[in-house]
Amino acid sequence: MSIKDDAVEVRAQGWRTLTALHGLIEGALEQALQTTAGLSVVEFTVLDALDRQNGWHMRMQQLARATALSPSATTRLVNRLEQRGLLRRILCADDRRGIYTELTGEGSELLASARPVHDGALEQALAEAEGIAELAPLVRTLPQGSSV
């Protein structure tokens, strides 16, 4: 194996480690959020992204980027959340093709009750990952809760 091959393998191993950590965290979050709030991780992500706008709304393509979903998957997700009364769509006054989304009061309340569940599950998953030799170095690179 050449030095170039070694570098590729190191990057590939790093990617595998990162995806393993992501899978562990996402699984823990999914279970906790579904059980206590009836939300998937991606639904929580949409509500959280909208909440972080401080009263402003987001375009659909911004939500797609925030959730790493395709435009069509984002539309289906927004449809579901809108049917549940958690968000609403608003047509852009300047550009009738533009559609914004914003959190409803019900969406804000659900998010407020789900956020401690999310944060606790995240903390627990990271603690578990820190006990796994392959994942521990990556977990240690993340900011600690008190310094964020």
C-alpha atoms as a PDB file:
ATOM      1  CA  MET A   1       0.000   0.000   0.000  1.00  0.00           C
ATOM      2  CA  SER A   2       1.386   3.419  -0.948  1.00  0.00           C
ATOM      3  CA  ILE A   3       1.271   6.577   1.151  1.00  0.00           C
ATOM      4  CA  LYS A   4      -1.556   7.857  -1.060  1.00  0.00           C
ATOM      5  CA  ASP A   5      -3.487   4.628  -0.457  1.00  0.00           C
ATOM      6  CA  ASP A   6      -2.886   4.986   3.282  1.00  0.00           C
ATOM      7  CA  ALA A   7      -4.330   8.524   3.242  1.00  0.00           C
ATOM      8  CA  VAL A   8      -7.423   7.330   1.419  1.00  0.00           C
ATOM      9  CA  GLU A   9      -7.896   4.507   3.918  1.00  0.00           C
ATOM     10  CA  VAL A  10      -7.455   6.881   6.878  1.00  0.00           C
ATOM     11  CA  ARG A  11     -10.137   9.181   5.441  1.00  0.00           C
ATOM     12  CA  ALA A  12     -12.404   6.218   4.723  1.00  0.00           C
ATOM     13  CA  GLN A  13     -11.977   4.953   8.294  1.00  0.00           C
ATOM     14  CA  GLY A  14     -12.726   8.439   9.599  1.00  0.00           C
ATOM     15  CA  TRP A  15     -15.897   8.520   7.515  1.00  0.00           C
ATOM     16  CA  ARG A  16     -16.958   5.095   8.801  1.00  0.00           C
ATOM     17  CA  THR A  17     -16.400   6.278  12.373  1.00  0.00           C
ATOM     18  CA  LEU A  18     -18.396   9.434  11.773  1.00  0.00           C
ATOM     19  CA  THR A  19     -21.303   7.495  10.252  1.00  0.00           C
ATOM     20  CA  ALA A  20     -21.234   5.020  13.147  1.00  0.00           C
ATOM     21  CA  LEU A  21     -21.480   7.893  15.643  1.00  0.00           C
ATOM     22  CA  HIS A  22     -24.237   9.522  13.612  1.00  0.00           C
ATOM     23  CA  GLY A  23     -26.192   6.266  13.481  1.00  0.00           C
ATOM     24  CA  LEU A  24     -25.904   5.732  17.224  1.00  0.00           C
ATOM     25  CA  ILE A  25     -27.057   9.274  17.981  1.00  0.00           C
ATOM     26  CA  GLU A  26     -29.852   9.307  15.425  1.00  0.00           C
ATOM     27  CA  GLY A  27     -31.210   5.985  16.655  1.00  0.00           C
ATOM     28  CA  ALA A  28     -31.287   7.219  20.251  1.00  0.00           C
ATOM     29  CA  LEU A  29     -32.934  10.505  19.273  1.00  0.00           C
ATOM     30  CA  GLU A  30     -35.505   8.783  17.061  1.00  0.00           C
ATOM     31  CA  GLN A  31     -36.571   6.406  19.803  1.00  0.00           C
ATOM     32  CA  ALA A  32     -36.779   9.094  22.485  1.00  0.00           C
ATOM     33  CA  LEU A  33     -38.619  11.632  20.330  1.00  0.00           C
ATOM     34  CA  GLN A  34     -41.087   9.106  18.905  1.00  0.00           C
ATOM     35  CA  THR A  35     -41.862   7.674  22.328  1.00  0.00           C
ATOM     36  CA  THR A  36     -42.385  10.939  24.180  1.00  0.00           C
ATOM     37  CA  ALA A  37     -43.367  13.523  21.554  1.00  0.00           C
ATOM     38  CA  GLY A  38     -44.573  11.580  18.527  1.00  0.00           C
ATOM     39  CA  LEU A  39     -41.905  13.263  16.396  1.00  0.00           C
ATOM     40  CA  SER A  40     -39.234  11.852  14.123  1.00  0.00           C
ATOM     41  CA  VAL A  41     -35.727  13.313  14.218  1.00  0.00           C
ATOM     42  CA  VAL A  42     -36.285  15.117  10.922  1.00  0.00           C
ATOM     43  CA  GLU A  43     -39.622  16.532  12.123  1.00  0.00           C
ATOM     44  CA  PHE A  44     -37.898  17.806  15.265  1.00  0.00           C
ATOM     45  CA  THR A  45     -35.168  19.296  13.056  1.00  0.00           C
ATOM     46  CA  VAL A  46     -37.744  21.228  11.005  1.00  0.00           C
ATOM     47  CA  LEU A  47     -39.524  22.566  14.088  1.00  0.00           C
ATOM     48  CA  ASP A  48     -36.195  23.479  15.687  1.00  0.00           C
ATOM     49  CA  ALA A  49     -34.954  25.230  12.526  1.00  0.00           C
ATOM     50  CA  LEU A  50     -38.155  27.271  12.325  1.00  0.00           C
ATOM     51  CA  ASP A  51     -37.994  28.119  16.030  1.00  0.00           C
ATOM     52  CA  ARG A  52     -34.442  29.404  15.654  1.00  0.00           C
ATOM     53  CA  GLN A  53     -35.687  32.007  13.158  1.00  0.00           C
ATOM     54  CA  ASN A  54     -36.937  34.132  16.079  1.00  0.00           C
ATOM     55  CA  GLY A  55     -40.339  34.877  14.590  1.00  0.00           C
ATOM     56  CA  TRP A  56     -39.241  34.871  10.954  1.00  0.00           C
ATOM     57  CA  HIS A  57     -40.172  32.189   8.493  1.00  0.00           C
ATOM     58  CA  MET A  58     -38.090  30.039   6.161  1.00  0.00           C
ATOM     59  CA  ARG A  59     -38.332  29.229   2.483  1.00  0.00           C
ATOM     60  CA  MET A  60     -38.888  25.611   1.572  1.00  0.00           C
ATOM     61  CA  GLN A  61     -35.396  25.302   0.046  1.00  0.00           C
ATOM     62  CA  GLN A  62     -33.883  26.544   3.320  1.00  0.00           C
ATOM     63  CA  LEU A  63     -35.752  23.800   5.172  1.00  0.00           C
ATOM     64  CA  ALA A  64     -34.534  21.266   2.619  1.00  0.00           C
ATOM     65  CA  ARG A  65     -30.946  22.291   3.351  1.00  0.00           C
ATOM     66  CA  ALA A  66     -31.524  22.248   7.125  1.00  0.00           C
ATOM     67  CA  THR A  67     -32.906  18.706   6.972  1.00  0.00           C
ATOM     68  CA  ALA A  68     -30.669  17.333   4.186  1.00  0.00           C
ATOM     69  CA  LEU A  69     -33.803  16.233   2.312  1.00  0.00           C
ATOM     70  CA  SER A  70     -34.698  16.552  -1.346  1.00  0.00           C
ATOM     71  CA  PRO A  71     -37.197  19.262  -2.278  1.00  0.00           C
ATOM     72  CA  SER A  72     -39.951  16.685  -2.825  1.00  0.00           C
ATOM     73  CA  ALA A  73     -39.260  14.938   0.506  1.00  0.00           C
ATOM     74  CA  THR A  74     -39.270  18.334   2.221  1.00  0.00           C
ATOM     75  CA  THR A  75     -42.650  19.134   0.674  1.00  0.00           C
ATOM     76  CA  ARG A  76     -44.096  15.824   1.898  1.00  0.00           C
ATOM     77  CA  LEU A  77     -42.688  16.449   5.383  1.00  0.00           C
ATOM     78  CA  VAL A  78     -44.091  19.990   5.492  1.00  0.00           C
ATOM     79  CA  ASN A  79     -47.468  18.629   4.330  1.00  0.00           C
ATOM     80  CA  ARG A  80     -47.521  16.188   7.264  1.00  0.00           C
ATOM     81  CA  LEU A  81     -46.499  18.817   9.792  1.00  0.00           C
ATOM     82  CA  GLU A  82     -49.010  21.291   8.414  1.00  0.00           C
ATOM     83  CA  GLN A  83     -51.796  18.683   8.628  1.00  0.00           C
ATOM     84  CA  ARG A  84     -50.860  18.186  12.291  1.00  0.00           C
ATOM     85  CA  GLY A  85     -51.124  21.941  12.859  1.00  0.00           C
ATOM     86  CA  LEU A  86     -47.442  22.313  13.780  1.00  0.00           C
ATOM     87  CA  LEU A  87     -46.492  24.728  11.017  1.00  0.00           C
ATOM     88  CA  ARG A  88     -48.144  26.794   8.310  1.00  0.00           C
ATOM     89  CA  ARG A  89     -47.203  27.879   4.814  1.00  0.00           C
ATOM     90  CA  ILE A  90     -47.304  31.475   3.682  1.00  0.00           C
ATOM     91  CA  LEU A  91     -47.094  32.679   0.083  1.00  0.00           C
ATOM     92  CA  CYS A  92     -44.376  35.251  -0.499  1.00  0.00           C
ATOM     93  CA  ALA A  93     -45.931  38.660  -1.183  1.00  0.00           C
ATOM     94  CA  ASP A  94     -43.151  39.633  -3.624  1.00  0.00           C
ATOM     95  CA  ASP A  95     -42.880  36.333  -5.482  1.00  0.00           C
ATOM     96  CA  ARG A  96     -46.018  34.214  -5.676  1.00  0.00           C
ATOM     97  CA  ARG A  97     -43.854  31.184  -6.450  1.00  0.00           C
ATOM     98  CA  GLY A  98     -42.091  31.550  -3.115  1.00  0.00           C
ATOM     99  CA  ILE A  99     -43.497  29.638  -0.171  1.00  0.00           C
ATOM    100  CA  TYR A 100     -42.456  30.249   3.401  1.00  0.00           C
ATOM    101  CA  THR A 101     -43.066  28.076   6.426  1.00  0.00           C
ATOM    102  CA  GLU A 102     -43.406  29.152  10.011  1.00  0.00           C
ATOM    103  CA  LEU A 103     -44.069  27.502  13.332  1.00  0.00           C
ATOM    104  CA  THR A 104     -47.575  27.612  14.810  1.00  0.00           C
ATOM    105  CA  GLY A 105     -48.282  28.017  18.508  1.00  0.00           C
ATOM    106  CA  GLU A 106     -48.994  24.299  18.725  1.00  0.00           C
ATOM    107  CA  GLY A 107     -45.691  23.559  16.984  1.00  0.00           C
ATOM    108  CA  SER A 108     -43.840  25.807  19.441  1.00  0.00           C
ATOM    109  CA  GLU A 109     -45.451  24.050  22.400  1.00  0.00           C
ATOM    110  CA  LEU A 110     -44.620  20.588  21.082  1.00  0.00           C
ATOM    111  CA  LEU A 111     -41.049  21.645  20.360  1.00  0.00           C
ATOM    112  CA  ALA A 112     -40.677  23.111  23.865  1.00  0.00           C
ATOM    113  CA  SER A 113     -41.769  19.806  25.393  1.00  0.00           C
ATOM    114  CA  ALA A 114     -39.613  17.755  22.995  1.00  0.00           C
ATOM    115  CA  ARG A 115     -36.400  19.784  23.326  1.00  0.00           C
ATOM    116  CA  PRO A 116     -35.438  18.460  26.806  1.00  0.00           C
ATOM    117  CA  VAL A 117     -36.114  14.917  25.582  1.00  0.00           C
ATOM    118  CA  HIS A 118     -33.908  15.530  22.531  1.00  0.00           C
ATOM    119  CA  ASP A 119     -31.134  17.097  24.580  1.00  0.00           C
ATOM    120  CA  GLY A 120     -31.205  14.328  27.190  1.00  0.00           C
ATOM    121  CA  ALA A 121     -31.139  11.594  24.552  1.00  0.00           C
ATOM    122  CA  LEU A 122     -28.266  13.337  22.794  1.00  0.00           C
ATOM    123  CA  GLU A 123     -26.289  13.613  26.017  1.00  0.00           C
ATOM    124  CA  GLN A 124     -26.929   9.958  26.829  1.00  0.00           C
ATOM    125  CA  ALA A 125     -25.980   8.801  23.324  1.00  0.00           C
ATOM    126  CA  LEU A 126     -22.742  10.778  23.439  1.00  0.00           C
ATOM    127  CA  ALA A 127     -21.920   9.307  26.852  1.00  0.00           C
ATOM    128  CA  GLU A 128     -22.525   5.834  25.433  1.00  0.00           C
ATOM    129  CA  ALA A 129     -20.378   6.608  22.384  1.00  0.00           C
ATOM    130  CA  GLU A 130     -17.578   7.861  24.609  1.00  0.00           C
ATOM    131  CA  GLY A 131     -17.429   4.359  26.086  1.00  0.00           C
ATOM    132  CA  ILE A 132     -16.816   2.828  22.648  1.00  0.00           C
ATOM    133  CA  ALA A 133     -13.097   2.873  21.853  1.00  0.00           C
ATOM    134  CA  GLU A 134     -13.543   3.647  18.141  1.00  0.00           C
ATOM    135  CA  LEU A 135     -15.985   6.508  18.771  1.00  0.00           C
ATOM    136  CA  ALA A 136     -14.475   8.077  21.899  1.00  0.00           C
ATOM    137  CA  PRO A 137     -11.852  10.230  20.097  1.00  0.00           C
ATOM    138  CA  LEU A 138     -14.533  11.724  17.862  1.00  0.00           C
ATOM    139  CA  VAL A 139     -16.879  12.412  20.787  1.00  0.00           C
ATOM    140  CA  ARG A 140     -14.064  14.198  22.629  1.00  0.00           C
ATOM    141  CA  THR A 141     -13.701  16.634  19.721  1.00  0.00           C
ATOM    142  CA  LEU A 142     -17.269  17.906  20.262  1.00  0.00           C
ATOM    143  CA  PRO A 143     -17.904  20.960  22.437  1.00  0.00           C
ATOM    144  CA  GLN A 144     -19.035  20.187  25.970  1.00  0.00           C
ATOM    145  CA  GLY A 145     -22.556  21.249  26.994  1.00  0.00           C
ATOM    146  CA  SER A 146     -21.491  24.019  29.375  1.00  0.00           C
ATOM    147  CA  SER A 147     -19.256  25.779  26.843  1.00  0.00           C
ATOM    148  CA  VAL A 148     -21.788  25.977  24.005  1.00  0.00           C
END
